[in-house]
PDB file of N, CA and C in Angstrom:
ATOM      1  N   MET A   1      -1.045 -61.472   3.963  1.00  0.00           N
ATOM      2  CA  MET A   1      -0.428 -60.156   3.967  1.00  0.00           C
ATOM      3  C   MET A   1       0.722 -60.175   4.977  1.00  0.00           C
ATOM      4  N   SER A   2       1.871 -59.641   4.564  1.00  0.00           N
ATOM      5  CA  SER A   2       3.033 -59.624   5.449  1.00  0.00           C
ATOM      6  C   SER A   2       2.881 -58.523   6.493  1.00  0.00           C
ATOM      7  N   THR A   3       3.734 -58.586   7.487  1.00  0.00           N
ATOM      8  CA  THR A   3       3.704 -57.582   8.553  1.00  0.00           C
ATOM      9  C   THR A   3       3.968 -56.197   7.990  1.00  0.00           C
ATOM     10  N   SER A   4       4.900 -56.081   7.070  1.00  0.00           N
ATOM     11  CA  SER A   4       5.213 -54.761   6.501  1.00  0.00           C
ATOM     12  C   SER A   4       4.051 -54.242   5.654  1.00  0.00           C
ATOM     13  N   GLU A   5       3.360 -55.147   4.944  1.00  0.00           N
ATOM     14  CA  GLU A   5       2.186 -54.739   4.169  1.00  0.00           C
ATOM     15  C   GLU A   5       1.061 -54.283   5.106  1.00  0.00           C
ATOM     16  N   THR A   6       0.881 -54.997   6.204  1.00  0.00           N
ATOM     17  CA  THR A   6      -0.135 -54.628   7.190  1.00  0.00           C
ATOM     18  C   THR A   6       0.189 -53.269   7.792  1.00  0.00           C
ATOM     19  N   GLU A   7       1.453 -53.081   8.146  1.00  0.00           N
ATOM     20  CA  GLU A   7       1.870 -51.789   8.713  1.00  0.00           C
ATOM     21  C   GLU A   7       1.660 -50.658   7.719  1.00  0.00           C
ATOM     22  N   ALA A   8       1.962 -50.900   6.450  1.00  0.00           N
ATOM     23  CA  ALA A   8       1.763 -49.878   5.425  1.00  0.00           C
ATOM     24  C   ALA A   8       0.281 -49.562   5.244  1.00  0.00           C
ATOM     25  N   THR A   9      -0.562 -50.594   5.267  1.00  0.00           N
ATOM     26  CA  THR A   9      -2.006 -50.414   5.134  1.00  0.00           C
ATOM     27  C   THR A   9      -2.551 -49.622   6.315  1.00  0.00           C
ATOM     28  N   VAL A  10      -2.114 -49.992   7.513  1.00  0.00           N
ATOM     29  CA  VAL A  10      -2.562 -49.287   8.726  1.00  0.00           C
ATOM     30  C   VAL A  10      -2.085 -47.846   8.689  1.00  0.00           C
ATOM     31  N   SER A  11      -0.844 -47.635   8.293  1.00  0.00           N
ATOM     32  CA  SER A  11      -0.293 -46.284   8.219  1.00  0.00           C
ATOM     33  C   SER A  11      -1.065 -45.422   7.222  1.00  0.00           C
ATOM     34  N   ALA A  12      -1.391 -45.996   6.066  1.00  0.00           N
ATOM     35  CA  ALA A  12      -2.142 -45.253   5.046  1.00  0.00           C
ATOM     36  C   ALA A  12      -3.545 -44.909   5.555  1.00  0.00           C
ATOM     37  N   GLU A  13      -4.190 -45.863   6.220  1.00  0.00           N
ATOM     38  CA  GLU A  13      -5.534 -45.620   6.764  1.00  0.00           C
ATOM     39  C   GLU A  13      -5.486 -44.569   7.862  1.00  0.00           C
ATOM     40  N   LEU A  14      -4.473 -44.633   8.710  1.00  0.00           N
ATOM     41  CA  LEU A  14      -4.307 -43.644   9.773  1.00  0.00           C
ATOM     42  C   LEU A  14      -4.105 -42.249   9.180  1.00  0.00           C
ATOM     43  N   THR A  15      -3.292 -42.158   8.149  1.00  0.00           N
ATOM     44  CA  THR A  15      -3.063 -40.876   7.470  1.00  0.00           C
ATOM     45  C   THR A  15      -4.362 -40.341   6.872  1.00  0.00           C
ATOM     46  N   ARG A  16      -5.118 -41.211   6.212  1.00  0.00           N
ATOM     47  CA  ARG A  16      -6.393 -40.798   5.609  1.00  0.00           C
ATOM     48  C   ARG A  16      -7.351 -40.280   6.673  1.00  0.00           C
ATOM     49  N   LEU A  17      -7.465 -41.006   7.772  1.00  0.00           N
ATOM     50  CA  LEU A  17      -8.376 -40.595   8.848  1.00  0.00           C
ATOM     51  C   LEU A  17      -7.922 -39.286   9.481  1.00  0.00           C
ATOM     52  N   ARG A  18      -6.639 -39.135   9.689  1.00  0.00           N
ATOM     53  CA  ARG A  18      -6.126 -37.897  10.284  1.00  0.00           C
ATOM     54  C   ARG A  18      -6.320 -36.702   9.357  1.00  0.00           C
ATOM     55  N   GLU A  19      -6.197 -36.919   8.060  1.00  0.00           N
ATOM     56  CA  GLU A  19      -6.465 -35.836   7.114  1.00  0.00           C
ATOM     57  C   GLU A  19      -7.933 -35.417   7.184  1.00  0.00           C
ATOM     58  N   SER A  20      -8.821 -36.385   7.332  1.00  0.00           N
ATOM     59  CA  SER A  20     -10.246 -36.066   7.499  1.00  0.00           C
ATOM     60  C   SER A  20     -10.474 -35.268   8.778  1.00  0.00           C
ATOM     61  N   ILE A  21      -9.837 -35.693   9.858  1.00  0.00           N
ATOM     62  CA  ILE A  21      -9.958 -34.978  11.126  1.00  0.00           C
ATOM     63  C   ILE A  21      -9.446 -33.547  10.979  1.00  0.00           C
ATOM     64  N   ASP A  22      -8.310 -33.380  10.323  1.00  0.00           N
ATOM     65  CA  ASP A  22      -7.750 -32.039  10.116  1.00  0.00           C
ATOM     66  C   ASP A  22      -8.708 -31.157   9.323  1.00  0.00           C
ATOM     67  N   ASN A  23      -9.339 -31.721   8.304  1.00  0.00           N
ATOM     68  CA  ASN A  23     -10.314 -30.963   7.510  1.00  0.00           C
ATOM     69  C   ASN A  23     -11.525 -30.578   8.342  1.00  0.00           C
ATOM     70  N   ILE A  24     -11.998 -31.496   9.157  1.00  0.00           N
ATOM     71  CA  ILE A  24     -13.146 -31.209  10.022  1.00  0.00           C
ATOM     72  C   ILE A  24     -12.779 -30.135  11.036  1.00  0.00           C
ATOM     73  N   ASP A  25     -11.587 -30.233  11.627  1.00  0.00           N
ATOM     74  CA  ASP A  25     -11.145 -29.207  12.578  1.00  0.00           C
ATOM     75  C   ASP A  25     -11.100 -27.832  11.917  1.00  0.00           C
ATOM     76  N   ALA A  26     -10.603 -27.768  10.696  1.00  0.00           N
ATOM     77  CA  ALA A  26     -10.563 -26.494   9.979  1.00  0.00           C
ATOM     78  C   ALA A  26     -11.978 -25.963   9.753  1.00  0.00           C
ATOM     79  N   ALA A  27     -12.900 -26.843   9.392  1.00  0.00           N
ATOM     80  CA  ALA A  27     -14.290 -26.421   9.185  1.00  0.00           C
ATOM     81  C   ALA A  27     -14.903 -25.917  10.490  1.00  0.00           C
ATOM     82  N   VAL A  28     -14.619 -26.599  11.595  1.00  0.00           N
ATOM     83  CA  VAL A  28     -15.140 -26.171  12.901  1.00  0.00           C
ATOM     84  C   VAL A  28     -14.627 -24.767  13.228  1.00  0.00           C
ATOM     85  N   VAL A  29     -13.338 -24.526  13.022  1.00  0.00           N
ATOM     86  CA  VAL A  29     -12.764 -23.205  13.304  1.00  0.00           C
ATOM     87  C   VAL A  29     -13.433 -22.136  12.442  1.00  0.00           C
ATOM     88  N   HIS A  30     -13.630 -22.425  11.162  1.00  0.00           N
ATOM     89  CA  HIS A  30     -14.264 -21.447  10.277  1.00  0.00           C
ATOM     90  C   HIS A  30     -15.724 -21.210  10.674  1.00  0.00           C
ATOM     91  N   MET A  31     -16.417 -22.254  11.063  1.00  0.00           N
ATOM     92  CA  MET A  31     -17.812 -22.096  11.512  1.00  0.00           C
ATOM     93  C   MET A  31     -17.879 -21.276  12.800  1.00  0.00           C
ATOM     94  N   LEU A  32     -16.960 -21.529  13.721  1.00  0.00           N
ATOM     95  CA  LEU A  32     -16.924 -20.729  14.947  1.00  0.00           C
ATOM     96  C   LEU A  32     -16.616 -19.264  14.641  1.00  0.00           C
ATOM     97  N   ALA A  33     -15.723 -19.024  13.702  1.00  0.00           N
ATOM     98  CA  ALA A  33     -15.412 -17.643  13.316  1.00  0.00           C
ATOM     99  C   ALA A  33     -16.659 -16.949  12.769  1.00  0.00           C
ATOM    100  N   GLU A  34     -17.418 -17.640  11.942  1.00  0.00           N
ATOM    101  CA  GLU A  34     -18.663 -17.077  11.407  1.00  0.00           C
ATOM    102  C   GLU A  34     -19.669 -16.829  12.527  1.00  0.00           C
ATOM    103  N   ARG A  35     -19.755 -17.774  13.459  1.00  0.00           N
ATOM    104  CA  ARG A  35     -20.675 -17.622  14.587  1.00  0.00           C
ATOM    105  C   ARG A  35     -20.302 -16.382  15.396  1.00  0.00           C
ATOM    106  N   PHE A  36     -19.004 -16.207  15.663  1.00  0.00           N
ATOM    107  CA  PHE A  36     -18.572 -15.063  16.448  1.00  0.00           C
ATOM    108  C   PHE A  36     -18.754 -13.743  15.700  1.00  0.00           C
ATOM    109  N   LYS A  37     -18.685 -13.755  14.382  1.00  0.00           N
ATOM    110  CA  LYS A  37     -19.004 -12.534  13.625  1.00  0.00           C
ATOM    111  C   LYS A  37     -20.448 -12.122  13.890  1.00  0.00           C
ATOM    112  N   CYS A  38     -21.339 -13.099  13.897  1.00  0.00           N
ATOM    113  CA  CYS A  38     -22.759 -12.810  14.167  1.00  0.00           C
ATOM    114  C   CYS A  38     -22.969 -12.349  15.600  1.00  0.00           C
ATOM    115  N   THR A  39     -22.309 -13.025  16.549  1.00  0.00           N
ATOM    116  CA  THR A  39     -22.516 -12.643  17.947  1.00  0.00           C
ATOM    117  C   THR A  39     -21.895 -11.279  18.247  1.00  0.00           C
ATOM    118  N   GLN A  40     -20.864 -10.903  17.512  1.00  0.00           N
ATOM    119  CA  GLN A  40     -20.307  -9.552  17.673  1.00  0.00           C
ATOM    120  C   GLN A  40     -21.349  -8.516  17.253  1.00  0.00           C
ATOM    121  N   GLN A  41     -22.058  -8.796  16.163  1.00  0.00           N
ATOM    122  CA  GLN A  41     -23.112  -7.887  15.723  1.00  0.00           C
ATOM    123  C   GLN A  41     -24.216  -7.790  16.775  1.00  0.00           C
ATOM    124  N   VAL A  42     -24.559  -8.940  17.377  1.00  0.00           N
ATOM    125  CA  VAL A  42     -25.544  -8.952  18.460  1.00  0.00           C
ATOM    126  C   VAL A  42     -25.038  -8.087  19.614  1.00  0.00           C
ATOM    127  N   GLY A  43     -23.767  -8.226  19.955  1.00  0.00           N
ATOM    128  CA  GLY A  43     -23.180  -7.439  21.040  1.00  0.00           C
ATOM    129  C   GLY A  43     -23.269  -5.952  20.784  1.00  0.00           C
ATOM    130  N   HIS A  44     -22.995  -5.529  19.560  1.00  0.00           N
ATOM    131  CA  HIS A  44     -23.097  -4.103  19.218  1.00  0.00           C
ATOM    132  C   HIS A  44     -24.555  -3.623  19.286  1.00  0.00           C
ATOM    133  N   LEU A  45     -25.463  -4.441  18.816  1.00  0.00           N
ATOM    134  CA  LEU A  45     -26.884  -4.094  18.878  1.00  0.00           C
ATOM    135  C   LEU A  45     -27.333  -3.964  20.337  1.00  0.00           C
ATOM    136  N   LYS A  46     -26.944  -4.919  21.164  1.00  0.00           N
ATOM    137  CA  LYS A  46     -27.296  -4.860  22.585  1.00  0.00           C
ATOM    138  C   LYS A  46     -26.703  -3.619  23.240  1.00  0.00           C
ATOM    139  N   ALA A  47     -25.459  -3.312  22.918  1.00  0.00           N
ATOM    140  CA  ALA A  47     -24.805  -2.139  23.517  1.00  0.00           C
ATOM    141  C   ALA A  47     -25.513  -0.852  23.113  1.00  0.00           C
ATOM    142  N   ARG A  48     -25.876  -0.745  21.837  1.00  0.00           N
ATOM    143  CA  ARG A  48     -26.578   0.469  21.365  1.00  0.00           C
ATOM    144  C   ARG A  48     -27.908   0.666  22.078  1.00  0.00           C
ATOM    145  N   HIS A  49     -28.552  -0.435  22.422  1.00  0.00           N
ATOM    146  CA  HIS A  49     -29.884  -0.352  23.030  1.00  0.00           C
ATOM    147  C   HIS A  49     -29.854  -0.656  24.535  1.00  0.00           C
ATOM    148  N   HIS A  50     -28.636  -0.676  25.084  1.00  0.00           N
ATOM    149  CA  HIS A  50     -28.435  -0.835  26.524  1.00  0.00           C
ATOM    150  C   HIS A  50     -29.114  -2.093  27.064  1.00  0.00           C
ATOM    151  N   LEU A  51     -28.966  -3.173  26.305  1.00  0.00           N
ATOM    152  CA  LEU A  51     -29.478  -4.474  26.736  1.00  0.00           C
ATOM    153  C   LEU A  51     -28.357  -5.224  27.453  1.00  0.00           C
ATOM    154  N   PRO A  52     -28.706  -6.103  28.372  1.00  0.00           N
ATOM    155  CA  PRO A  52     -27.659  -6.840  29.103  1.00  0.00           C
ATOM    156  C   PRO A  52     -26.888  -7.780  28.175  1.00  0.00           C
ATOM    157  N   PRO A  53     -25.601  -8.004  28.484  1.00  0.00           N
ATOM    158  CA  PRO A  53     -24.777  -8.885  27.649  1.00  0.00           C
ATOM    159  C   PRO A  53     -25.284 -10.327  27.617  1.00  0.00           C
ATOM    160  N   ALA A  54     -25.847 -10.796  28.718  1.00  0.00           N
ATOM    161  CA  ALA A  54     -26.322 -12.180  28.800  1.00  0.00           C
ATOM    162  C   ALA A  54     -27.839 -12.222  28.652  1.00  0.00           C
ATOM    163  N   ASP A  55     -28.322 -13.322  28.118  1.00  0.00           N
ATOM    164  CA  ASP A  55     -29.763 -13.560  27.974  1.00  0.00           C
ATOM    165  C   ASP A  55     -30.023 -14.996  28.434  1.00  0.00           C
ATOM    166  N   PRO A  56     -30.181 -15.184  29.755  1.00  0.00           N
ATOM    167  CA  PRO A  56     -30.303 -16.538  30.295  1.00  0.00           C
ATOM    168  C   PRO A  56     -31.427 -17.369  29.670  1.00  0.00           C
ATOM    169  N   ALA A  57     -32.548 -16.757  29.328  1.00  0.00           N
ATOM    170  CA  ALA A  57     -33.649 -17.514  28.720  1.00  0.00           C
ATOM    171  C   ALA A  57     -33.238 -18.040  27.347  1.00  0.00           C
ATOM    172  N   ARG A  58     -32.601 -17.202  26.545  1.00  0.00           N
ATOM    173  CA  ARG A  58     -32.120 -17.623  25.216  1.00  0.00           C
ATOM    174  C   ARG A  58     -31.066 -18.718  25.366  1.00  0.00           C
ATOM    175  N   GLU A  59     -30.166 -18.532  26.318  1.00  0.00           N
ATOM    176  CA  GLU A  59     -29.111 -19.515  26.527  1.00  0.00           C
ATOM    177  C   GLU A  59     -29.703 -20.871  26.902  1.00  0.00           C
ATOM    178  N   ALA A  60     -30.699 -20.874  27.765  1.00  0.00           N
ATOM    179  CA  ALA A  60     -31.341 -22.138  28.175  1.00  0.00           C
ATOM    180  C   ALA A  60     -32.015 -22.808  26.983  1.00  0.00           C
ATOM    181  N   ARG A  61     -32.676 -22.006  26.130  1.00  0.00           N
ATOM    182  CA  ARG A  61     -33.316 -22.575  24.924  1.00  0.00           C
ATOM    183  C   ARG A  61     -32.263 -23.168  23.990  1.00  0.00           C
ATOM    184  N   GLN A  62     -31.157 -22.469  23.834  1.00  0.00           N
ATOM    185  CA  GLN A  62     -30.089 -22.946  22.947  1.00  0.00           C
ATOM    186  C   GLN A  62     -29.465 -24.230  23.480  1.00  0.00           C
ATOM    187  N   ILE A  63     -29.271 -24.310  24.788  1.00  0.00           N
ATOM    188  CA  ILE A  63     -28.696 -25.520  25.377  1.00  0.00           C
ATOM    189  C   ILE A  63     -29.640 -26.698  25.159  1.00  0.00           C
ATOM    190  N   ALA A  64     -30.930 -26.488  25.409  1.00  0.00           N
ATOM    191  CA  ALA A  64     -31.908 -27.573  25.201  1.00  0.00           C
ATOM    192  C   ALA A  64     -31.918 -27.996  23.737  1.00  0.00           C
ATOM    193  N   ARG A  65     -31.887 -27.024  22.840  1.00  0.00           N
ATOM    194  CA  ARG A  65     -31.895 -27.304  21.396  1.00  0.00           C
ATOM    195  C   ARG A  65     -30.650 -28.089  20.992  1.00  0.00           C
ATOM    196  N   LEU A  66     -29.492 -27.647  21.494  1.00  0.00           N
ATOM    197  CA  LEU A  66     -28.247 -28.314  21.130  1.00  0.00           C
ATOM    198  C   LEU A  66     -28.187 -29.726  21.707  1.00  0.00           C
ATOM    199  N   ARG A  67     -28.718 -29.916  22.897  1.00  0.00           N
ATOM    200  CA  ARG A  67     -28.748 -31.266  23.481  1.00  0.00           C
ATOM    201  C   ARG A  67     -29.591 -32.200  22.602  1.00  0.00           C
ATOM    202  N   GLN A  68     -30.729 -31.696  22.111  1.00  0.00           N
ATOM    203  CA  GLN A  68     -31.568 -32.517  21.225  1.00  0.00           C
ATOM    204  C   GLN A  68     -30.829 -32.834  19.926  1.00  0.00           C
ATOM    205  N   LEU A  69     -30.169 -31.836  19.350  1.00  0.00           N
ATOM    206  CA  LEU A  69     -29.400 -32.067  18.126  1.00  0.00           C
ATOM    207  C   LEU A  69     -28.296 -33.092  18.367  1.00  0.00           C
ATOM    208  N   ALA A  70     -27.634 -32.980  19.500  1.00  0.00           N
ATOM    209  CA  ALA A  70     -26.561 -33.922  19.827  1.00  0.00           C
ATOM    210  C   ALA A  70     -27.103 -35.340  19.937  1.00  0.00           C
ATOM    211  N   GLU A  71     -28.226 -35.485  20.621  1.00  0.00           N
ATOM    212  CA  GLU A  71     -28.814 -36.824  20.754  1.00  0.00           C
ATOM    213  C   GLU A  71     -29.131 -37.416  19.394  1.00  0.00           C
ATOM    214  N   SER A  72     -29.718 -36.613  18.511  1.00  0.00           N
ATOM    215  CA  SER A  72     -30.078 -37.137  17.191  1.00  0.00           C
ATOM    216  C   SER A  72     -28.852 -37.433  16.332  1.00  0.00           C
ATOM    217  N   ALA A  73     -27.719 -36.819  16.675  1.00  0.00           N
ATOM    218  CA  ALA A  73     -26.477 -37.058  15.940  1.00  0.00           C
ATOM    219  C   ALA A  73     -25.592 -38.098  16.629  1.00  0.00           C
ATOM    220  N   ASN A  74     -26.124 -38.743  17.664  1.00  0.00           N
ATOM    221  CA  ASN A  74     -25.362 -39.732  18.432  1.00  0.00           C
ATOM    222  C   ASN A  74     -24.098 -39.149  19.059  1.00  0.00           C
ATOM    223  N   LEU A  75     -24.230 -37.900  19.531  1.00  0.00           N
ATOM    224  CA  LEU A  75     -23.155 -37.230  20.252  1.00  0.00           C
ATOM    225  C   LEU A  75     -23.613 -37.059  21.693  1.00  0.00           C
ATOM    226  N   ASP A  76     -22.722 -37.198  22.630  1.00  0.00           N
ATOM    227  CA  ASP A  76     -23.061 -37.068  24.041  1.00  0.00           C
ATOM    228  C   ASP A  76     -23.648 -35.675  24.307  1.00  0.00           C
ATOM    229  N   PRO A  77     -24.923 -35.598  24.713  1.00  0.00           N
ATOM    230  CA  PRO A  77     -25.550 -34.294  24.973  1.00  0.00           C
ATOM    231  C   PRO A  77     -24.835 -33.491  26.060  1.00  0.00           C
ATOM    232  N   ALA A  78     -24.271 -34.175  27.042  1.00  0.00           N
ATOM    233  CA  ALA A  78     -23.540 -33.459  28.099  1.00  0.00           C
ATOM    234  C   ALA A  78     -22.301 -32.782  27.515  1.00  0.00           C
ATOM    235  N   PHE A  79     -21.624 -33.457  26.602  1.00  0.00           N
ATOM    236  CA  PHE A  79     -20.470 -32.846  25.939  1.00  0.00           C
ATOM    237  C   PHE A  79     -20.909 -31.637  25.128  1.00  0.00           C
ATOM    238  N   ALA A  80     -21.987 -31.776  24.365  1.00  0.00           N
ATOM    239  CA  ALA A  80     -22.493 -30.672  23.555  1.00  0.00           C
ATOM    240  C   ALA A  80     -22.856 -29.480  24.437  1.00  0.00           C
ATOM    241  N   GLU A  81     -23.456 -29.756  25.591  1.00  0.00           N
ATOM    242  CA  GLU A  81     -23.821 -28.673  26.510  1.00  0.00           C
ATOM    243  C   GLU A  81     -22.570 -27.975  27.051  1.00  0.00           C
ATOM    244  N   LYS A  82     -21.559 -28.750  27.414  1.00  0.00           N
ATOM    245  CA  LYS A  82     -20.311 -28.150  27.903  1.00  0.00           C
ATOM    246  C   LYS A  82     -19.683 -27.260  26.838  1.00  0.00           C
ATOM    247  N   LEU A  83     -19.685 -27.740  25.607  1.00  0.00           N
ATOM    248  CA  LEU A  83     -19.120 -26.958  24.516  1.00  0.00           C
ATOM    249  C   LEU A  83     -19.895 -25.662  24.325  1.00  0.00           C
ATOM    250  N   LEU A  84     -21.220 -25.748  24.312  1.00  0.00           N
ATOM    251  CA  LEU A  84     -22.018 -24.540  24.122  1.00  0.00           C
ATOM    252  C   LEU A  84     -21.841 -23.584  25.295  1.00  0.00           C
ATOM    253  N   ASN A  85     -21.772 -24.104  26.521  1.00  0.00           N
ATOM    254  CA  ASN A  85     -21.546 -23.228  27.675  1.00  0.00           C
ATOM    255  C   ASN A  85     -20.218 -22.488  27.555  1.00  0.00           C
ATOM    256  N   PHE A  86     -19.198 -23.169  27.050  1.00  0.00           N
ATOM    257  CA  PHE A  86     -17.894 -22.534  26.838  1.00  0.00           C
ATOM    258  C   PHE A  86     -18.016 -21.410  25.800  1.00  0.00           C
ATOM    259  N   ILE A  87     -18.724 -21.686  24.713  1.00  0.00           N
ATOM    260  CA  ILE A  87     -18.915 -20.688  23.657  1.00  0.00           C
ATOM    261  C   ILE A  87     -19.731 -19.513  24.190  1.00  0.00           C
ATOM    262  N   ILE A  88     -20.810 -19.801  24.912  1.00  0.00           N
ATOM    263  CA  ILE A  88     -21.659 -18.743  25.468  1.00  0.00           C
ATOM    264  C   ILE A  88     -20.850 -17.843  26.403  1.00  0.00           C
ATOM    265  N   ALA A  89     -20.013 -18.431  27.244  1.00  0.00           N
ATOM    266  CA  ALA A  89     -19.194 -17.628  28.160  1.00  0.00           C
ATOM    267  C   ALA A  89     -18.292 -16.674  27.380  1.00  0.00           C
ATOM    268  N   GLU A  90     -17.733 -17.148  26.275  1.00  0.00           N
ATOM    269  CA  GLU A  90     -16.875 -16.291  25.445  1.00  0.00           C
ATOM    270  C   GLU A  90     -17.695 -15.187  24.782  1.00  0.00           C
ATOM    271  N   VAL A  91     -18.879 -15.522  24.315  1.00  0.00           N
ATOM    272  CA  VAL A  91     -19.759 -14.523  23.696  1.00  0.00           C
ATOM    273  C   VAL A  91     -20.117 -13.439  24.709  1.00  0.00           C
ATOM    274  N   ILE A  92     -20.488 -13.838  25.917  1.00  0.00           N
ATOM    275  CA  ILE A  92     -20.847 -12.873  26.953  1.00  0.00           C
ATOM    276  C   ILE A  92     -19.648 -11.975  27.273  1.00  0.00           C
ATOM    277  N   ARG A  93     -18.476 -12.573  27.335  1.00  0.00           N
ATOM    278  CA  ARG A  93     -17.264 -11.777  27.579  1.00  0.00           C
ATOM    279  C   ARG A  93     -17.086 -10.730  26.477  1.00  0.00           C
ATOM    280  N   HIS A  94     -17.297 -11.129  25.234  1.00  0.00           N
ATOM    281  CA  HIS A  94     -17.217 -10.176  24.120  1.00  0.00           C
ATOM    282  C   HIS A  94     -18.272  -9.086  24.275  1.00  0.00           C
ATOM    283  N   HIS A  95     -19.499  -9.476  24.616  1.00  0.00           N
ATOM    284  CA  HIS A  95     -20.587  -8.515  24.753  1.00  0.00           C
ATOM    285  C   HIS A  95     -20.295  -7.520  25.880  1.00  0.00           C
ATOM    286  N   GLU A  96     -19.706  -8.000  26.966  1.00  0.00           N
ATOM    287  CA  GLU A  96     -19.350  -7.105  28.063  1.00  0.00           C
ATOM    288  C   GLU A  96     -18.280  -6.106  27.621  1.00  0.00           C
ATOM    289  N   THR A  97     -17.325  -6.580  26.851  1.00  0.00           N
ATOM    290  CA  THR A  97     -16.279  -5.700  26.330  1.00  0.00           C
ATOM    291  C   THR A  97     -16.877  -4.642  25.411  1.00  0.00           C
ATOM    292  N   ILE A  98     -17.744  -5.071  24.516  1.00  0.00           N
ATOM    293  CA  ILE A  98     -18.401  -4.148  23.590  1.00  0.00           C
ATOM    294  C   ILE A  98     -19.239  -3.122  24.364  1.00  0.00           C
ATOM    295  N   ALA A  99     -19.984  -3.593  25.365  1.00  0.00           N
ATOM    296  CA  ALA A  99     -20.815  -2.683  26.168  1.00  0.00           C
ATOM    297  C   ALA A  99     -19.942  -1.669  26.908  1.00  0.00           C
ATOM    298  N   GLY A 100     -18.770  -2.107  27.364  1.00  0.00           N
ATOM    299  CA  GLY A 100     -17.863  -1.195  28.060  1.00  0.00           C
ATOM    300  C   GLY A 100     -17.280  -0.140  27.155  1.00  0.00           C
ATOM    301  N   GLU A 101     -17.242  -0.412  25.860  1.00  0.00           N
ATOM    302  CA  GLU A 101     -16.701   0.539  24.887  1.00  0.00           C
ATOM    303  C   GLU A 101     -17.766   1.456  24.328  1.00  0.00           C
ATOM    304  N   ALA A 102     -19.049   1.129  24.580  1.00  0.00           N
ATOM    305  CA  ALA A 102     -20.160   1.911  24.015  1.00  0.00           C
ATOM    306  C   ALA A 102     -20.271   3.245  24.737  1.00  0.00           C
ATOM    307  N   PRO A 103     -20.632   4.298  24.004  1.00  0.00           N
ATOM    308  CA  PRO A 103     -20.824   5.594  24.642  1.00  0.00           C
ATOM    309  C   PRO A 103     -21.995   5.558  25.633  1.00  0.00           C
ATOM    310  N   ALA A 104     -21.872   6.307  26.691  1.00  0.00           N
ATOM    311  CA  ALA A 104     -22.950   6.357  27.699  1.00  0.00           C
ATOM    312  C   ALA A 104     -24.184   7.021  27.095  1.00  0.00           C
ATOM    313  N   PRO A 105     -25.381   6.627  27.606  1.00  0.00           N
ATOM    314  CA  PRO A 105     -26.619   7.207  27.052  1.00  0.00           C
ATOM    315  C   PRO A 105     -26.757   8.673  27.383  1.00  0.00           C
TER     316      PRO A 105
END
């Protein structure tokens, strides 16, 4: 195989892999959007019933669960935990905003 053929093959493979990555990124964004739709509903429910925005026990269970899922998927559990902590912080921020907008009891 000539150098130009090798370069073309590598370029085509790189394009194919990047298209897969782009599709996965789009799926991740859509899944996060769906997740946040659900957590918004949780936030409204908590606000109506004057529950705190954060639930540390639930968060700890979710982190442990996600770490196990990450291990079984050959993904770094520490990375998975960091990602979930980032998502949880955003959810709590949303819940605090929703609670601040809720009418007083």
